[in-house]
């Protein structure tokens, strides 16, 4: 299951991770987010132990959302060594997100 990333645990789970991290910035009221949600859950199972996959509820965690300039959701960010290395705005098929994660494992 995708981790719930919050303002409180962001640094520990994302910035200090030794694995690539995929974060889905989403909200309950967002239609396209409901399309991406199950894909993110699948990726969290597919990459268990190889990558960190999490979700940030933008309504509950405004600090992270502001820090990374999240204006449109869903926005998916890929982090490696605490830095953003890739970004996807809007709903896309699972294989696109998987490719973004795979690229950081090479």
C-alpha atoms as a PDB file:
ATOM      1  CA  UNK A   1       0.000   0.000   0.000  1.00  0.00           C
ATOM      2  CA  UNK A   2       1.228   3.487  -0.807  1.00  0.00           C
ATOM      3  CA  UNK A   3       2.569   5.350   2.222  1.00  0.00           C
ATOM      4  CA  UNK A   4       0.716   8.368   3.515  1.00  0.00           C
ATOM      5  CA  UNK A   5       3.247  11.178   3.264  1.00  0.00           C
ATOM      6  CA  UNK A   6       2.596  14.206   5.478  1.00  0.00           C
ATOM      7  CA  UNK A   7       4.242  17.518   6.316  1.00  0.00           C
ATOM      8  CA  UNK A   8       5.522  15.770   9.461  1.00  0.00           C
ATOM      9  CA  UNK A   9       7.132  12.657   7.894  1.00  0.00           C
ATOM     10  CA  UNK A  10       8.148  14.043   4.474  1.00  0.00           C
ATOM     11  CA  UNK A  11      11.798  14.624   5.312  1.00  0.00           C
ATOM     12  CA  UNK A  12      12.239  11.172   6.864  1.00  0.00           C
ATOM     13  CA  UNK A  13      10.369   9.161   4.186  1.00  0.00           C
ATOM     14  CA  UNK A  14      11.293  11.143   1.072  1.00  0.00           C
ATOM     15  CA  UNK A  15      14.353  13.343   1.455  1.00  0.00           C
ATOM     16  CA  UNK A  16      16.353  10.802   3.485  1.00  0.00           C
ATOM     17  CA  UNK A  17      15.313   7.744   1.461  1.00  0.00           C
ATOM     18  CA  UNK A  18      18.104   5.659  -0.057  1.00  0.00           C
ATOM     19  CA  UNK A  19      15.663   4.438  -2.735  1.00  0.00           C
ATOM     20  CA  UNK A  20      13.882   6.331  -5.522  1.00  0.00           C
ATOM     21  CA  UNK A  21      10.601   7.872  -4.318  1.00  0.00           C
ATOM     22  CA  UNK A  22       7.378   8.420  -6.282  1.00  0.00           C
ATOM     23  CA  UNK A  23       4.882  10.779  -4.677  1.00  0.00           C
ATOM     24  CA  UNK A  24       1.319  11.347  -5.836  1.00  0.00           C
ATOM     25  CA  UNK A  25      -0.001  14.779  -4.830  1.00  0.00           C
ATOM     26  CA  UNK A  26      -3.798  14.370  -4.781  1.00  0.00           C
ATOM     27  CA  UNK A  27      -7.078  15.437  -3.162  1.00  0.00           C
ATOM     28  CA  UNK A  28     -10.345  13.692  -2.350  1.00  0.00           C
ATOM     29  CA  UNK A  29     -12.383  16.015  -4.629  1.00  0.00           C
ATOM     30  CA  UNK A  30     -10.117  15.597  -7.687  1.00  0.00           C
ATOM     31  CA  UNK A  31     -11.560  13.396 -10.458  1.00  0.00           C
ATOM     32  CA  UNK A  32      -8.297  12.611 -12.302  1.00  0.00           C
ATOM     33  CA  UNK A  33      -6.716  11.796  -8.908  1.00  0.00           C
ATOM     34  CA  UNK A  34      -9.219   8.962  -8.533  1.00  0.00           C
ATOM     35  CA  UNK A  35      -7.940   7.570 -11.843  1.00  0.00           C
ATOM     36  CA  UNK A  36      -4.282   7.754 -10.759  1.00  0.00           C
ATOM     37  CA  UNK A  37      -4.877   6.470  -7.200  1.00  0.00           C
ATOM     38  CA  UNK A  38      -5.262   2.753  -8.055  1.00  0.00           C
ATOM     39  CA  UNK A  39      -2.232   2.957 -10.381  1.00  0.00           C
ATOM     40  CA  UNK A  40      -0.114   4.386  -7.548  1.00  0.00           C
ATOM     41  CA  UNK A  41      -1.320   1.554  -5.270  1.00  0.00           C
ATOM     42  CA  UNK A  42      -0.305  -1.030  -7.903  1.00  0.00           C
ATOM     43  CA  UNK A  43       3.134   0.582  -8.267  1.00  0.00           C
ATOM     44  CA  UNK A  44       3.620   0.483  -4.494  1.00  0.00           C
ATOM     45  CA  UNK A  45       3.145  -3.307  -4.619  1.00  0.00           C
ATOM     46  CA  UNK A  46       5.219  -3.762  -7.797  1.00  0.00           C
ATOM     47  CA  UNK A  47       8.178  -1.820  -6.382  1.00  0.00           C
ATOM     48  CA  UNK A  48       7.988  -2.915  -2.758  1.00  0.00           C
ATOM     49  CA  UNK A  49      11.525  -3.003  -1.375  1.00  0.00           C
ATOM     50  CA  UNK A  50      12.931  -1.293  -4.487  1.00  0.00           C
ATOM     51  CA  UNK A  51      11.298   2.149  -4.274  1.00  0.00           C
ATOM     52  CA  UNK A  52       9.165   4.228  -1.931  1.00  0.00           C
ATOM     53  CA  UNK A  53       5.701   5.023  -3.256  1.00  0.00           C
ATOM     54  CA  UNK A  54       3.528   7.473  -1.372  1.00  0.00           C
ATOM     55  CA  UNK A  55       0.638   9.897  -1.543  1.00  0.00           C
ATOM     56  CA  UNK A  56       0.316  13.454  -0.244  1.00  0.00           C
ATOM     57  CA  UNK A  57      -3.177  14.815   0.385  1.00  0.00           C
ATOM     58  CA  UNK A  58      -2.688  18.449  -0.672  1.00  0.00           C
ATOM     59  CA  UNK A  59      -5.597  19.665   1.471  1.00  0.00           C
ATOM     60  CA  UNK A  60      -4.129  18.158   4.646  1.00  0.00           C
ATOM     61  CA  UNK A  61      -0.463  18.947   3.888  1.00  0.00           C
ATOM     62  CA  UNK A  62      -0.233  22.472   2.473  1.00  0.00           C
ATOM     63  CA  UNK A  63       3.432  22.987   3.453  1.00  0.00           C
ATOM     64  CA  UNK A  64       4.841  20.294   1.140  1.00  0.00           C
ATOM     65  CA  UNK A  65       2.479  21.309  -1.645  1.00  0.00           C
ATOM     66  CA  UNK A  66       3.572  24.954  -1.411  1.00  0.00           C
ATOM     67  CA  UNK A  67       7.264  24.069  -1.117  1.00  0.00           C
ATOM     68  CA  UNK A  68       7.174  22.131  -4.391  1.00  0.00           C
ATOM     69  CA  UNK A  69       4.823  24.543  -6.178  1.00  0.00           C
ATOM     70  CA  UNK A  70       2.017  22.053  -6.672  1.00  0.00           C
ATOM     71  CA  UNK A  71      -0.709  23.971  -8.520  1.00  0.00           C
ATOM     72  CA  UNK A  72      -2.395  21.218 -10.517  1.00  0.00           C
ATOM     73  CA  UNK A  73      -3.297  17.759  -9.306  1.00  0.00           C
ATOM     74  CA  UNK A  74      -2.612  14.995  -9.712  1.00  0.00           C
ATOM     75  CA  UNK A  75       1.078  15.861  -9.803  1.00  0.00           C
ATOM     76  CA  UNK A  76       3.545  13.014  -9.409  1.00  0.00           C
ATOM     77  CA  UNK A  77       7.115  13.769  -8.404  1.00  0.00           C
ATOM     78  CA  UNK A  78      10.035  11.352  -8.521  1.00  0.00           C
ATOM     79  CA  UNK A  79      12.819  11.985  -6.007  1.00  0.00           C
ATOM     80  CA  UNK A  80      16.296  10.497  -5.837  1.00  0.00           C
ATOM     81  CA  UNK A  81      18.785  11.410  -3.108  1.00  0.00           C
ATOM     82  CA  UNK A  82      16.392  14.076  -1.833  1.00  0.00           C
ATOM     83  CA  UNK A  83      16.150  15.882  -5.202  1.00  0.00           C
ATOM     84  CA  UNK A  84      13.307  16.010  -7.726  1.00  0.00           C
ATOM     85  CA  UNK A  85      14.470  14.108 -10.818  1.00  0.00           C
ATOM     86  CA  UNK A  86      11.191  13.760 -12.698  1.00  0.00           C
ATOM     87  CA  UNK A  87       7.675  15.194 -12.728  1.00  0.00           C
ATOM     88  CA  UNK A  88       4.337  14.246 -14.234  1.00  0.00           C
ATOM     89  CA  UNK A  89       1.271  16.497 -14.139  1.00  0.00           C
ATOM     90  CA  UNK A  90      -2.073  14.881 -14.889  1.00  0.00           C
ATOM     91  CA  UNK A  91      -3.280  11.322 -15.216  1.00  0.00           C
ATOM     92  CA  UNK A  92      -1.127   8.956 -17.282  1.00  0.00           C
ATOM     93  CA  UNK A  93      -1.041   5.174 -17.814  1.00  0.00           C
ATOM     94  CA  UNK A  94       0.811   2.964 -15.327  1.00  0.00           C
ATOM     95  CA  UNK A  95       3.635   2.146 -17.751  1.00  0.00           C
ATOM     96  CA  UNK A  96       4.626   5.848 -17.981  1.00  0.00           C
ATOM     97  CA  UNK A  97       5.010   6.109 -14.199  1.00  0.00           C
ATOM     98  CA  UNK A  98       6.795   2.758 -14.043  1.00  0.00           C
ATOM     99  CA  UNK A  99       9.309   3.985 -16.662  1.00  0.00           C
ATOM    100  CA  UNK A 100       9.997   7.107 -14.578  1.00  0.00           C
ATOM    101  CA  UNK A 101      10.759   4.948 -11.525  1.00  0.00           C
ATOM    102  CA  UNK A 102      12.806   2.420 -13.512  1.00  0.00           C
ATOM    103  CA  UNK A 103      14.976   5.221 -14.910  1.00  0.00           C
ATOM    104  CA  UNK A 104      16.069   6.089 -11.355  1.00  0.00           C
ATOM    105  CA  UNK A 105      17.039   2.521 -10.494  1.00  0.00           C
ATOM    106  CA  UNK A 106      19.605   2.131 -13.247  1.00  0.00           C
END
